[in-house]
Amino acid sequence: MTPNPLIRRRMVALVAAVPLGWLAGTVSSVEASDLPAVNASKPCADLLSIDLSDIAGTGSRVESTKQFDAKGKTFCLVEGILAPSIGFRVELPETGWTQRYLQVGCGGLCGAFWQRFDAADGCVPVTEGRLVIATTDMGHQGTDPSFGRDPQKRADFAYRGVHLTSRTAKKLIAAFYGRSEKHSYFIGCSDGGREAMMEALRYPDDFDGIVAGAPVLLFQFQNSLHHAWLALTNTGVDGKPIFTKPRLPILHQAVVAACDELDGLADGLISDPRLCRFDPRTIQCMTDVEDSSTCLTADEVMAAKKFYEGPMDPKTGEHLTVGEEQYGSELAWAGVFVPEAIDRPTYSGMAALNALNNLIFEKDPPSGYALSDLKFDKATIELLRARHPLFDPSSPDLRPFAASGGKLILWHGWADPNISPLITIAFHEALEREMGPTAVAAFERLYLLPGVYHCGRGEGMPTVDFLTPLMNWVENGTAPDAVITRGVTDGDKSVSLPTIPAKLSVGTSLAEPSVERSRPVYPYPALATYAGGDPNAAASFIKGEPLYTAPARPWAGANFFRPYKPME
C-alpha cells in the first residue's frame, strides 16, 4: 500500500504515552527506573527568605512564593529577580519529586516565562509532575527588541540568564528538599535550542543531558541574512508580496509529486530533501494563460528559486548561508515570509529588522535603517563576526561537556521554514571533524523529522519524546537509537487534538478519514526505510542506509563553525 503522493495531509500532534518496547532499539519509559521519591522538608513560604546575592549580586531576591495544584499534586511556585533584571520562575512539587531538575528554554527574543515542552510528549516524569521545572525571561520583559542596545541585557539574553537560573533553581531545590538534584536536564527549541547549546558550550557542568531542537546556532546569520533575504525576495517591485498563502499549495504539490518517491515510498513526505532536484520553471504558466490556479507566474518562479538557493555574494558567487528553504517545506512558509494575505506583515521581515536595528551589529545602524539597506555580500559577514562569540553557540569543541558525562540530543524538522535544518547538519559535521566521529557518538545524537515544521506541527509526524531517551542515556547508559514519531492525517486542514486523551473526538468535520501514523527516526545519517506492510505503522520500517552522503555545501561563513572562546 502506498498513499497517493498528490493527497496532501496536514499533520497534527497526537499526544500520548506510547508503549514502544516492541520496536528493536527503541527506548521505553523511564518510569520503571524512576528514582526514589522525595517530599519537601520545609514549607513553601520559607523559600521567600533564601539569599540569592551569592549567585547574581546585590538586588537578587525571591519576590514571591505560593502553592498551586496541578497534575494531582501541590507545587511550590517561586518567582524572583537575579540582578539586575533577570526574572526566574521555579515550580517544585511538594511530594513525589524524583530528584530530577528540568529547565525549559525560551523562544524568539524571550521576554517572558515559557513552559513549552517541545519534543517531550508523553514523558512520564513531566506529565505526572515529578520534576522541578524552571524557566527565565532572560533579563528583559516584553517584546521590545531595544533591550539589545544595552550591553548588560545583551549578555543576560545571550547566556547569563539561563546559567544563573540554573544555579538559583538548584539552590532552591537543596533548601526545599534538604538534598540536591540527582540529575539535571535542559530542553528547548528555536532560541531555546540556542540556549541549550550555549549551556553545553559555556557551562558544561550545569546539565547532565540536553535536548536542543532547531537550535539557532548562527544567531547572527539567522536574524540578518536569512530572514532578511526571505522577506526581501518575496517583495515585488511594487512593494507587495509576490507569494501569498493561497498560492503555496501549487508549488508544494508539484515538489512532492516530483520528489516524494525518491526515498522508496510515496507517502506525501520527503525523507531527505537534499535528494530533490525540482525546478520551479516546470510549473510556470504559459505567457498566454489567463487562469493561473494551477501554475506559477514568472515572478513566483523566480522567488521560489531564490528561496531554495539563498543569497550569494554578487562578486564571488559564494553562498552566504549554509542553506535555505528545503523542498517539501512550502506550506510552512505561510506566516513566516509568505503572508497569509496580501496586506499582512511577515514574521521574517519584522524579526530581521528588529535584530538588525538592536542586536546584530557592534555599531547600531542609524535611525531609519531598513531591510533594503542590508548588503548581501561577504563584507556583511565580516560585520557579523564581532558579536558571533556572544550570541552563536556554534563552536564544535564540546570536549568539556563530553568529559563531564553530558549527553546531547539534537533534532530538527526537515520542513522548518524558520531555521534551515542544514545548519544543524553542518554543526554535527563540524563536531565530527573537530572531535572525531567516535568521540561524538559517545555523547551526541542528531535526529531529522521529515515533513515537520519549526519545533513541531507539519505534514510529517511531529509528536515525539526525546526527553525520555535522554534520561535513559544519562541514567542507565542506554544510548538512543530508534525513536518513535507520531501524527494524525487530517485531510487538508489542521485541527487541535486534546492532550489527554489523545483521540479524534474533537467534533471536527474532516476532509478525508483521519489515520494515526507512527514512524521511527534514527540517528543521522540513517533513514527509516519502508520494509513492507502498513505504511502508517512504525513496525513497517527498518533502519536503512543514508541516501545522501555529501557534506554541507561550501559557504562564506563556514569558519563560524570553528572553535572559539565565548565572549563575556
Protein backbone atom coordinates (compact mmCIF):
# COMPACT_ATOMS: atom_id res chain seq x y z
CA MET A 1 0.00 0.00 0.00
CA THR A 2 1.40 3.40 -1.00
CA PRO A 3 -0.64 6.55 -0.37
CA ASN A 4 -1.34 8.81 -3.32
CA PRO A 5 1.54 11.34 -3.35
CA LEU A 6 -0.81 14.10 -4.50
CA ILE A 7 -3.09 13.84 -1.48
CA ARG A 8 -1.96 16.49 0.93
CA ARG A 9 -2.26 15.50 4.52
CA ARG A 10 -1.72 18.05 7.20
CA MET A 11 -0.34 16.51 10.39
CA VAL A 12 -1.23 17.48 13.93
CA ALA A 13 0.21 16.39 17.25
CA LEU A 14 -1.12 13.24 18.86
CA VAL A 15 -0.05 13.41 22.48
CA ALA A 16 0.05 10.01 24.09
CA ALA A 17 2.27 7.86 26.24
CA VAL A 18 3.16 5.04 23.89
CA PRO A 19 4.39 1.54 24.79
CA LEU A 20 7.20 1.27 22.29
CA GLY A 21 9.32 -1.59 23.58
CA TRP A 22 8.23 -3.80 20.69
CA LEU A 23 10.45 -1.94 18.25
CA ALA A 24 14.09 -3.02 18.30
CA GLY A 25 16.37 -0.29 19.57
CA THR A 26 13.51 1.87 20.81
CA VAL A 27 13.78 3.26 24.30
CA SER A 28 10.72 2.97 26.52
CA SER A 29 9.53 4.95 29.52
CA VAL A 30 11.90 5.72 32.38
CA GLU A 31 9.03 5.11 34.78
CA ALA A 32 10.30 1.65 35.73
CA SER A 33 13.69 3.05 36.72
CA ASP A 34 12.41 6.16 38.44
CA LEU A 35 14.50 7.45 41.31
CA PRO A 36 13.09 7.28 44.87
CA ALA A 37 10.51 9.97 45.50
CA VAL A 38 11.35 12.79 47.89
CA ASN A 39 8.99 15.14 49.71
CA ALA A 40 9.58 18.73 50.78
CA SER A 41 11.38 19.19 54.08
CA LYS A 42 10.08 22.71 54.79
CA PRO A 43 7.09 24.94 53.97
CA CYS A 44 6.95 26.69 50.61
CA ALA A 45 6.82 30.10 52.31
CA ASP A 46 10.25 29.52 53.85
CA LEU A 47 11.87 29.88 50.44
CA LEU A 48 11.00 33.57 50.50
CA SER A 49 13.98 34.17 52.76
CA ILE A 50 16.57 32.39 50.59
CA ASP A 51 19.56 34.67 49.91
CA LEU A 52 20.47 34.80 46.21
CA SER A 53 23.11 37.53 46.36
CA ASP A 54 25.89 34.93 46.09
CA ILE A 55 24.53 33.94 42.67
CA ALA A 56 23.92 37.25 40.93
CA GLY A 57 24.90 40.01 43.34
CA THR A 58 23.10 42.67 45.33
CA GLY A 59 19.44 43.02 44.42
CA SER A 60 18.96 39.33 43.63
CA ARG A 61 16.00 38.01 45.57
CA VAL A 62 12.99 35.75 45.82
CA GLU A 63 9.99 38.01 45.32
CA SER A 64 7.11 35.60 45.92
CA THR A 65 6.21 32.06 46.88
CA LYS A 66 2.82 30.41 46.64
CA GLN A 67 1.25 27.00 46.41
CA PHE A 68 -0.83 25.77 43.48
CA ASP A 69 -2.40 22.48 42.47
CA ALA A 70 -1.87 20.70 39.15
CA LYS A 71 -1.47 17.15 37.87
CA GLY A 72 -2.92 15.83 41.13
CA LYS A 73 -0.13 17.42 43.15
CA THR A 74 0.60 20.57 45.13
CA PHE A 75 3.51 22.65 43.88
CA CYS A 76 5.52 25.48 45.38
CA LEU A 77 5.90 28.31 42.87
CA VAL A 78 8.88 30.60 43.43
CA GLU A 79 9.47 33.75 41.40
CA GLY A 80 12.19 36.34 41.73
CA ILE A 81 14.88 38.54 40.23
CA LEU A 82 18.57 37.94 39.59
CA ALA A 83 20.37 41.26 39.41
CA PRO A 84 20.00 43.41 37.61
CA SER A 85 16.77 42.30 35.88
CA ILE A 86 16.66 38.55 35.12
CA GLY A 87 13.28 37.11 36.03
CA PHE A 88 13.08 33.46 37.06
CA ARG A 89 10.29 31.02 37.88
CA VAL A 90 10.70 27.65 39.62
CA GLU A 91 8.00 25.05 40.26
CA LEU A 92 8.75 22.46 42.95
CA PRO A 93 6.40 19.51 43.68
CA GLU A 94 5.80 19.23 47.43
CA THR A 95 5.51 15.44 47.20
CA GLY A 96 6.77 12.78 44.82
CA TRP A 97 9.81 14.65 43.49
CA THR A 98 12.03 12.08 41.76
CA GLN A 99 15.27 14.03 42.19
CA ARG A 100 15.38 15.44 38.67
CA TYR A 101 15.63 19.07 37.62
CA LEU A 102 14.40 20.27 34.20
CA GLN A 103 14.99 23.74 32.81
CA VAL A 104 12.92 24.85 29.82
CA GLY A 105 14.17 27.24 27.15
CA CYS A 106 12.53 30.34 25.73
CA GLY A 107 11.79 31.24 22.12
CA GLY A 108 12.25 34.25 19.87
CA LEU A 109 13.87 37.07 21.85
CA CYS A 110 12.22 35.72 25.02
CA GLY A 111 10.97 38.38 27.47
CA ALA A 112 8.52 36.06 29.26
CA PHE A 113 8.34 32.78 31.16
CA TRP A 114 7.91 29.98 28.64
CA GLN A 115 6.93 26.44 29.50
CA ARG A 116 6.67 24.59 26.19
CA PHE A 117 7.87 21.02 26.32
CA ASP A 118 8.66 20.60 22.63
CA ALA A 119 9.74 17.01 21.95
CA ALA A 120 8.79 15.62 25.37
CA ASP A 121 5.29 14.36 24.52
CA GLY A 122 4.28 11.54 26.84
CA CYS A 123 7.38 11.77 29.04
CA VAL A 124 6.01 10.34 32.31
CA PRO A 125 8.06 12.44 34.78
CA VAL A 126 6.77 15.58 33.00
CA THR A 127 3.14 14.56 32.63
CA GLU A 128 2.90 13.36 36.24
CA GLY A 129 4.66 16.35 37.80
CA ARG A 130 7.66 14.51 39.19
CA LEU A 131 10.24 17.14 38.20
CA VAL A 132 11.33 20.52 39.46
CA ILE A 133 10.88 22.82 36.46
CA ALA A 134 12.33 26.28 35.93
CA THR A 135 12.40 28.95 33.24
CA THR A 136 13.60 32.54 32.81
CA ASP A 137 12.72 35.65 30.83
CA MET A 138 16.47 36.07 30.13
CA GLY A 139 16.78 39.56 31.54
CA HIS A 140 14.03 41.63 29.96
CA GLN A 141 10.25 41.71 29.86
CA GLY A 142 8.04 42.05 26.82
CA THR A 143 8.72 42.05 23.10
CA ASP A 144 10.54 45.39 22.71
CA PRO A 145 13.86 44.50 20.97
CA SER A 146 15.61 47.67 22.13
CA PHE A 147 16.98 45.72 25.11
CA GLY A 148 19.68 44.64 22.65
CA ARG A 149 21.25 48.10 22.80
CA ASP A 150 22.09 47.58 26.49
CA PRO A 151 25.36 45.59 26.99
CA GLN A 152 24.17 44.04 30.24
CA LYS A 153 20.84 42.93 28.80
CA ARG A 154 22.62 41.53 25.74
CA ALA A 155 24.75 39.34 27.99
CA ASP A 156 21.73 38.33 30.06
CA PHE A 157 19.96 37.26 26.87
CA ALA A 158 22.98 35.61 25.29
CA TYR A 159 23.92 33.31 28.18
CA ARG A 160 23.76 34.79 31.69
CA GLY A 161 20.01 34.46 32.35
CA VAL A 162 19.85 30.74 31.63
CA HIS A 163 23.01 29.90 33.59
CA LEU A 164 22.08 31.90 36.68
CA THR A 165 18.55 30.49 36.68
CA SER A 166 20.08 27.02 36.77
CA ARG A 167 22.19 27.92 39.80
CA THR A 168 19.20 29.53 41.51
CA ALA A 169 16.87 26.58 40.96
CA LYS A 170 19.45 24.18 42.32
CA LYS A 171 19.88 26.30 45.45
CA LEU A 172 16.11 26.33 45.96
CA ILE A 173 15.99 22.56 45.46
CA ALA A 174 18.61 21.97 48.14
CA ALA A 175 16.78 24.25 50.57
CA PHE A 176 13.29 22.85 49.89
CA TYR A 177 14.07 19.12 49.91
CA GLY A 178 17.18 19.04 52.07
CA ARG A 179 19.16 17.46 49.23
CA SER A 180 20.45 18.29 45.78
CA GLU A 181 19.08 17.02 42.49
CA LYS A 182 20.41 13.70 41.24
CA HIS A 183 20.16 14.64 37.56
CA SER A 184 19.61 17.89 35.69
CA TYR A 185 18.23 18.39 32.18
CA PHE A 186 17.56 21.19 29.72
CA ILE A 187 15.05 21.15 26.87
CA GLY A 188 14.42 23.91 24.36
CA CYS A 189 13.65 24.62 20.72
CA SER A 190 14.49 27.51 18.40
CA ASP A 191 16.14 30.13 20.61
CA GLY A 192 15.60 27.58 23.37
CA GLY A 193 17.82 25.32 21.30
CA ARG A 194 20.42 28.10 21.15
CA GLU A 195 20.20 28.46 24.92
CA ALA A 196 20.67 24.71 25.27
CA MET A 197 23.80 24.73 23.12
CA MET A 198 25.15 27.80 24.90
CA GLU A 199 24.92 25.87 28.16
CA ALA A 200 26.78 22.90 26.70
CA LEU A 201 29.49 25.23 25.41
CA ARG A 202 29.89 27.74 28.26
CA TYR A 203 28.75 25.81 31.33
CA PRO A 204 29.33 22.10 30.65
CA ASP A 205 28.58 21.11 34.25
CA ASP A 206 25.16 22.77 34.51
CA PHE A 207 23.20 19.92 32.90
CA ASP A 208 23.69 16.18 32.58
CA GLY A 209 21.51 15.98 29.49
CA ILE A 210 20.31 18.45 26.85
CA VAL A 211 17.62 18.27 24.16
CA ALA A 212 18.19 21.04 21.60
CA GLY A 213 15.55 21.38 18.88
CA ALA A 214 16.04 23.51 15.74
CA PRO A 215 18.80 25.42 17.57
CA VAL A 216 19.71 28.94 16.49
CA LEU A 217 23.36 28.00 16.21
CA LEU A 218 24.06 31.00 13.98
CA PHE A 219 22.02 33.76 15.61
CA GLN A 220 23.99 36.37 13.70
CA PHE A 221 23.07 34.89 10.31
CA GLN A 222 19.59 33.72 11.25
CA ASN A 223 18.36 37.18 12.17
CA SER A 224 20.10 39.06 9.40
CA LEU A 225 20.99 37.43 6.07
CA HIS A 226 18.48 34.57 6.42
CA HIS A 227 15.22 36.27 7.37
CA ALA A 228 16.03 39.49 5.53
CA TRP A 229 16.71 37.52 2.33
CA LEU A 230 13.40 35.69 2.57
CA ALA A 231 11.42 38.86 3.30
CA LEU A 232 13.04 40.88 0.52
CA THR A 233 12.86 38.04 -2.00
CA ASN A 234 9.11 37.85 -1.51
CA THR A 235 8.65 41.58 -2.06
CA GLY A 236 7.91 42.74 -5.59
CA VAL A 237 9.00 46.00 -7.22
CA ASP A 238 5.60 47.39 -6.28
CA GLY A 239 6.28 46.69 -2.60
CA LYS A 240 3.63 43.96 -2.46
CA PRO A 241 4.25 40.28 -1.67
CA ILE A 242 4.94 38.01 -4.62
CA PHE A 243 3.73 34.83 -2.91
CA THR A 244 0.73 34.72 -0.59
CA LYS A 245 -0.50 31.69 1.32
CA PRO A 246 -3.19 30.55 -1.19
CA ARG A 247 -0.52 30.13 -3.88
CA LEU A 248 1.77 27.81 -1.90
CA PRO A 249 -0.12 24.51 -2.49
CA ILE A 250 0.54 24.77 -6.24
CA LEU A 251 4.28 24.71 -5.64
CA HIS A 252 4.15 22.21 -2.80
CA GLN A 253 2.12 19.63 -4.68
CA ALA A 254 4.48 19.81 -7.64
CA VAL A 255 7.53 19.37 -5.40
CA VAL A 256 6.09 16.35 -3.62
CA ALA A 257 4.95 14.78 -6.88
CA ALA A 258 8.50 15.11 -8.23
CA CYS A 259 10.45 14.02 -5.14
CA ASP A 260 8.23 12.00 -2.80
CA GLU A 261 9.20 8.55 -4.08
CA LEU A 262 12.96 9.20 -4.03
CA ASP A 263 13.05 7.53 -0.59
CA GLY A 264 11.21 4.45 -1.85
CA LEU A 265 7.74 5.25 -0.51
CA ALA A 266 5.00 7.50 -1.89
CA ASP A 267 3.56 8.82 1.34
CA GLY A 268 3.48 12.59 0.87
CA LEU A 269 6.77 13.07 2.77
CA ILE A 270 10.29 13.74 1.51
CA SER A 271 12.66 11.87 3.82
CA ASP A 272 15.75 13.78 2.69
CA PRO A 273 15.06 16.95 0.67
CA ARG A 274 18.69 17.13 -0.45
CA LEU A 275 17.85 14.37 -2.95
CA CYS A 276 15.29 16.59 -4.67
CA ARG A 277 16.20 18.45 -7.88
CA PHE A 278 12.87 20.12 -8.60
CA ASP A 279 12.90 23.14 -10.91
CA PRO A 280 10.02 25.61 -10.33
CA ARG A 281 10.17 26.57 -14.00
CA THR A 282 8.45 23.27 -14.82
CA ILE A 283 5.20 24.69 -13.45
CA GLN A 284 5.50 28.22 -14.82
CA CYS A 285 2.39 29.50 -16.56
CA MET A 286 2.46 29.93 -20.30
CA THR A 287 2.54 33.59 -21.33
CA ASP A 288 -0.98 33.49 -22.80
CA VAL A 289 -2.60 31.69 -19.81
CA GLU A 290 -5.29 33.72 -18.06
CA ASP A 291 -6.05 31.19 -15.29
CA SER A 292 -3.01 30.71 -13.04
CA SER A 293 -4.76 28.50 -10.48
CA THR A 294 -2.56 25.52 -11.39
CA CYS A 295 0.69 27.23 -12.35
CA LEU A 296 3.11 29.89 -11.09
CA THR A 297 3.73 33.32 -12.53
CA ALA A 298 7.24 34.21 -13.71
CA ASP A 299 7.76 36.34 -10.59
CA GLU A 300 6.67 33.47 -8.35
CA VAL A 301 9.03 31.07 -10.10
CA MET A 302 11.95 33.44 -9.63
CA ALA A 303 11.09 33.98 -5.96
CA ALA A 304 10.80 30.24 -5.32
CA LYS A 305 14.21 29.58 -6.86
CA LYS A 306 15.74 32.23 -4.59
CA PHE A 307 14.01 30.80 -1.51
CA TYR A 308 15.65 27.43 -2.15
CA GLU A 309 19.04 28.78 -3.22
CA GLY A 310 19.67 31.56 -0.70
CA PRO A 311 21.80 34.71 -1.04
CA MET A 312 25.16 34.74 -2.82
CA ASP A 313 27.95 37.27 -2.96
CA PRO A 314 27.46 39.21 -6.22
CA LYS A 315 31.19 39.26 -7.00
CA THR A 316 32.44 35.82 -5.94
CA GLY A 317 29.23 33.80 -6.30
CA GLU A 318 29.83 32.27 -2.86
CA HIS A 319 26.83 31.24 -0.80
CA LEU A 320 26.29 33.49 2.21
CA THR A 321 24.33 30.93 4.26
CA VAL A 322 24.64 27.20 4.92
CA GLY A 323 21.29 26.56 3.28
CA GLU A 324 17.84 27.99 2.94
CA GLU A 325 14.35 26.56 2.37
CA GLN A 326 14.11 22.80 1.83
CA TYR A 327 11.97 21.07 -0.78
CA GLY A 328 8.73 19.93 0.83
CA SER A 329 8.57 22.85 3.29
CA GLU A 330 6.43 25.10 1.07
CA LEU A 331 3.21 25.04 3.10
CA ALA A 332 5.19 26.05 6.20
CA TRP A 333 6.28 29.31 4.57
CA ALA A 334 2.86 30.85 5.30
CA GLY A 335 3.08 33.30 8.17
CA VAL A 336 6.89 33.27 8.16
CA PHE A 337 7.99 35.06 4.98
CA VAL A 338 4.84 34.47 2.92
CA PRO A 339 1.90 36.48 4.30
CA GLU A 340 -1.50 34.97 4.96
CA ALA A 341 -2.97 37.71 2.75
CA ILE A 342 -1.56 40.46 0.59
CA ASP A 343 -1.99 43.14 3.27
CA ARG A 344 -0.48 41.16 6.15
CA PRO A 345 3.08 41.58 7.53
CA THR A 346 5.54 38.70 7.72
CA TYR A 347 7.49 37.33 10.65
CA SER A 348 10.74 37.31 8.66
CA GLY A 349 10.57 41.00 7.89
CA MET A 350 9.84 42.01 11.47
CA ALA A 351 12.34 39.60 13.04
CA ALA A 352 15.19 40.67 10.78
CA LEU A 353 14.56 44.39 11.18
CA ASN A 354 14.26 44.14 14.97
CA ALA A 355 17.52 42.22 15.26
CA LEU A 356 19.45 44.31 12.75
CA ASN A 357 18.47 47.55 14.47
CA ASN A 358 19.16 46.38 18.02
CA LEU A 359 21.32 43.26 18.35
CA ILE A 360 23.37 42.16 15.37
CA PHE A 361 25.94 44.86 14.69
CA GLU A 362 28.62 46.15 17.04
CA LYS A 363 27.74 49.65 15.86
CA ASP A 364 24.00 50.22 15.87
CA PRO A 365 22.54 51.25 12.48
CA PRO A 366 21.37 54.84 12.04
CA SER A 367 17.77 55.85 12.57
CA GLY A 368 15.55 54.80 9.71
CA TYR A 369 17.59 51.70 8.81
CA ALA A 370 15.52 49.42 6.55
CA LEU A 371 15.90 45.84 5.29
CA SER A 372 16.78 47.21 1.87
CA ASP A 373 19.90 48.75 3.44
CA LEU A 374 21.36 45.32 4.23
CA LYS A 375 24.07 44.27 1.79
CA PHE A 376 24.11 40.61 0.77
CA ASP A 377 27.86 40.15 0.40
CA LYS A 378 30.93 38.86 2.23
CA ALA A 379 31.54 42.28 3.76
CA THR A 380 28.34 41.87 5.80
CA ILE A 381 29.59 38.51 7.08
CA GLU A 382 32.65 40.30 8.43
CA LEU A 383 30.35 42.68 10.32
CA LEU A 384 28.63 39.68 11.90
CA ARG A 385 31.87 38.43 13.46
CA ALA A 386 32.07 40.98 16.28
CA ARG A 387 29.16 39.52 18.24
CA HIS A 388 29.49 35.98 16.92
CA PRO A 389 31.28 34.80 20.13
CA LEU A 390 28.49 36.38 22.20
CA PHE A 391 25.35 35.05 20.51
CA ASP A 392 26.39 31.99 18.47
CA PRO A 393 26.91 28.66 20.30
CA SER A 394 28.43 27.19 17.13
CA SER A 395 31.85 26.17 18.42
CA PRO A 396 32.25 22.43 17.72
CA ASP A 397 34.61 21.93 20.65
CA LEU A 398 32.33 20.36 23.25
CA ARG A 399 35.09 18.32 24.89
CA PRO A 400 34.40 19.74 28.38
CA PHE A 401 30.69 18.84 28.11
CA ALA A 402 31.54 15.32 26.92
CA ALA A 403 34.18 14.92 29.62
CA SER A 404 31.63 15.86 32.29
CA GLY A 405 29.44 12.97 31.13
CA GLY A 406 26.93 15.22 29.37
CA LYS A 407 24.61 13.80 26.72
CA LEU A 408 23.14 15.81 23.84
CA ILE A 409 20.21 15.13 21.53
CA LEU A 410 19.83 17.50 18.58
CA TRP A 411 16.68 17.40 16.47
CA HIS A 412 15.25 19.36 13.58
CA GLY A 413 12.23 19.23 11.29
CA TRP A 414 13.13 18.83 7.62
CA ALA A 415 10.33 21.26 6.67
CA ASP A 416 11.38 24.01 9.10
CA PRO A 417 10.97 27.39 7.34
CA ASN A 418 12.45 29.47 10.17
CA ILE A 419 15.82 27.78 10.63
CA SER A 420 17.38 25.60 7.97
CA PRO A 421 17.99 22.01 9.12
CA LEU A 422 21.17 22.18 7.04
CA ILE A 423 22.66 24.39 9.77
CA THR A 424 22.19 21.68 12.38
CA ILE A 425 23.62 19.08 10.00
CA ALA A 426 26.63 21.33 9.32
CA PHE A 427 27.21 21.67 13.06
CA HIS A 428 27.03 17.90 13.50
CA GLU A 429 29.62 17.53 10.74
CA ALA A 430 31.81 20.16 12.40
CA LEU A 431 31.60 18.24 15.70
CA GLU A 432 32.84 15.10 13.99
CA ARG A 433 35.70 16.96 12.26
CA GLU A 434 36.77 18.61 15.49
CA MET A 435 36.33 15.77 17.98
CA GLY A 436 36.21 12.66 15.80
CA PRO A 437 33.17 10.50 14.98
CA THR A 438 33.82 8.01 17.79
CA ALA A 439 34.07 10.70 20.47
CA VAL A 440 30.93 12.43 19.15
CA ALA A 441 28.94 9.19 19.07
CA ALA A 442 29.66 8.75 22.78
CA PHE A 443 27.66 11.85 23.75
CA GLU A 444 25.61 13.25 20.81
CA ARG A 445 22.76 12.17 18.54
CA LEU A 446 21.05 14.09 15.72
CA TYR A 447 17.50 13.29 14.56
CA LEU A 448 15.79 14.77 11.49
CA LEU A 449 11.99 14.59 11.17
CA PRO A 450 10.55 14.52 7.61
CA GLY A 451 7.70 16.95 6.95
CA VAL A 452 7.92 18.59 10.39
CA TYR A 453 7.85 22.39 10.67
CA HIS A 454 9.59 24.68 13.15
CA CYS A 455 9.60 22.99 16.58
CA GLY A 456 6.58 20.84 15.63
CA ARG A 457 3.40 20.70 13.52
CA GLY A 458 3.53 19.97 9.82
CA GLU A 459 2.64 17.21 7.38
CA GLY A 460 5.04 14.79 9.00
CA MET A 461 4.82 13.14 12.40
CA PRO A 462 5.67 15.89 14.91
CA THR A 463 4.70 14.19 18.17
CA VAL A 464 7.88 12.83 19.72
CA ASP A 465 9.55 12.30 23.08
CA PHE A 466 13.30 12.86 23.08
CA LEU A 467 13.45 13.60 26.80
CA THR A 468 12.75 10.01 27.85
CA PRO A 469 15.56 8.59 25.66
CA LEU A 470 17.86 11.28 27.02
CA MET A 471 17.06 10.28 30.61
CA ASN A 472 17.70 6.64 29.80
CA TRP A 473 21.02 7.58 28.25
CA VAL A 474 22.14 9.71 31.20
CA GLU A 475 20.82 7.50 33.98
CA ASN A 476 21.11 3.99 32.54
CA GLY A 477 23.82 4.34 29.91
CA THR A 478 21.41 3.27 27.14
CA ALA A 479 22.29 5.27 24.04
CA PRO A 480 19.20 6.08 21.93
CA ASP A 481 18.68 4.59 18.50
CA ALA A 482 15.15 4.44 17.08
CA VAL A 483 12.71 6.99 18.49
CA ILE A 484 9.04 6.89 17.53
CA THR A 485 7.32 9.89 15.98
CA ARG A 486 3.53 10.08 15.65
CA GLY A 487 0.88 12.10 13.90
CA VAL A 488 -2.67 12.07 12.57
CA THR A 489 -3.66 12.74 8.98
CA ASP A 490 -6.46 15.26 8.71
CA GLY A 491 -7.31 15.83 5.09
CA ASP A 492 -6.35 19.33 4.03
CA LYS A 493 -6.52 21.27 7.29
CA SER A 494 -5.22 21.19 10.84
CA VAL A 495 -7.19 20.53 13.99
CA SER A 496 -6.08 20.71 17.59
CA LEU A 497 -6.30 17.46 19.47
CA PRO A 498 -6.86 17.34 23.20
CA THR A 499 -3.76 16.46 25.19
CA ILE A 500 -5.44 13.72 27.24
CA PRO A 501 -6.93 11.54 25.97
CA ALA A 502 -5.37 11.68 22.51
CA LYS A 503 -8.38 10.71 20.45
CA LEU A 504 -10.13 12.17 17.44
CA SER A 505 -13.22 13.21 19.37
CA VAL A 506 -12.92 16.93 18.70
CA GLY A 507 -16.13 17.42 16.75
CA THR A 508 -14.33 18.49 13.59
CA SER A 509 -15.50 17.61 10.12
CA LEU A 510 -12.55 16.06 8.30
CA ALA A 511 -11.95 16.30 4.58
CA GLU A 512 -10.85 12.66 4.46
CA PRO A 513 -10.65 9.83 7.01
CA SER A 514 -8.18 10.50 9.78
CA VAL A 515 -5.37 7.99 10.14
CA GLU A 516 -2.95 7.71 13.02
CA ARG A 517 0.59 7.31 11.79
CA SER A 518 3.80 6.35 13.56
CA ARG A 519 7.34 6.02 12.30
CA PRO A 520 10.79 5.62 13.78
CA VAL A 521 13.52 8.18 13.27
CA TYR A 522 17.13 7.10 13.59
CA PRO A 523 20.34 8.94 14.46
CA TYR A 524 21.69 10.85 11.47
CA PRO A 525 22.56 9.87 8.80
CA ALA A 526 20.48 6.66 8.93
CA LEU A 527 16.97 6.76 7.46
CA ALA A 528 13.76 4.94 8.29
CA THR A 529 13.32 2.60 5.32
CA TYR A 530 9.98 1.08 4.36
CA ALA A 531 10.13 -2.72 4.62
CA GLY A 532 6.56 -3.56 3.66
CA GLY A 533 3.25 -3.72 5.47
CA ASP A 534 1.14 -0.85 6.73
CA PRO A 535 2.98 2.39 5.80
CA ASN A 536 1.24 4.15 8.69
CA ALA A 537 2.79 1.81 11.29
CA ALA A 538 6.26 2.18 12.77
CA ALA A 539 6.74 -1.60 12.67
CA SER A 540 6.83 -1.41 8.86
CA PHE A 541 10.13 0.47 8.86
CA ILE A 542 13.71 -0.57 9.49
CA LYS A 543 16.98 1.28 9.91
CA GLY A 544 18.29 1.99 6.44
CA GLU A 545 21.43 3.41 4.91
CA PRO A 546 21.54 7.13 4.07
CA LEU A 547 20.55 8.10 0.54
CA TYR A 548 22.58 11.33 0.63
CA THR A 549 26.14 11.47 1.95
CA ALA A 550 27.66 14.71 0.65
CA PRO A 551 28.83 17.19 3.31
CA ALA A 552 27.41 20.68 3.76
CA ARG A 553 28.00 22.91 0.76
CA PRO A 554 30.88 25.40 0.82
CA TRP A 555 29.83 28.84 2.00
CA ALA A 556 31.46 32.11 3.01
CA GLY A 557 30.82 31.75 6.74
CA ALA A 558 32.00 28.16 7.17
CA ASN A 559 34.63 29.21 9.71
CA PHE A 560 31.85 30.29 12.08
CA PHE A 561 31.79 26.56 12.87
CA ARG A 562 35.36 26.57 14.19
CA PRO A 563 36.31 26.56 17.89
CA TYR A 564 36.43 29.97 19.54
CA LYS A 565 36.46 31.47 23.01
CA PRO A 566 32.98 32.71 24.00
CA MET A 567 32.67 36.43 24.66
CA GLU A 568 31.81 37.59 28.17
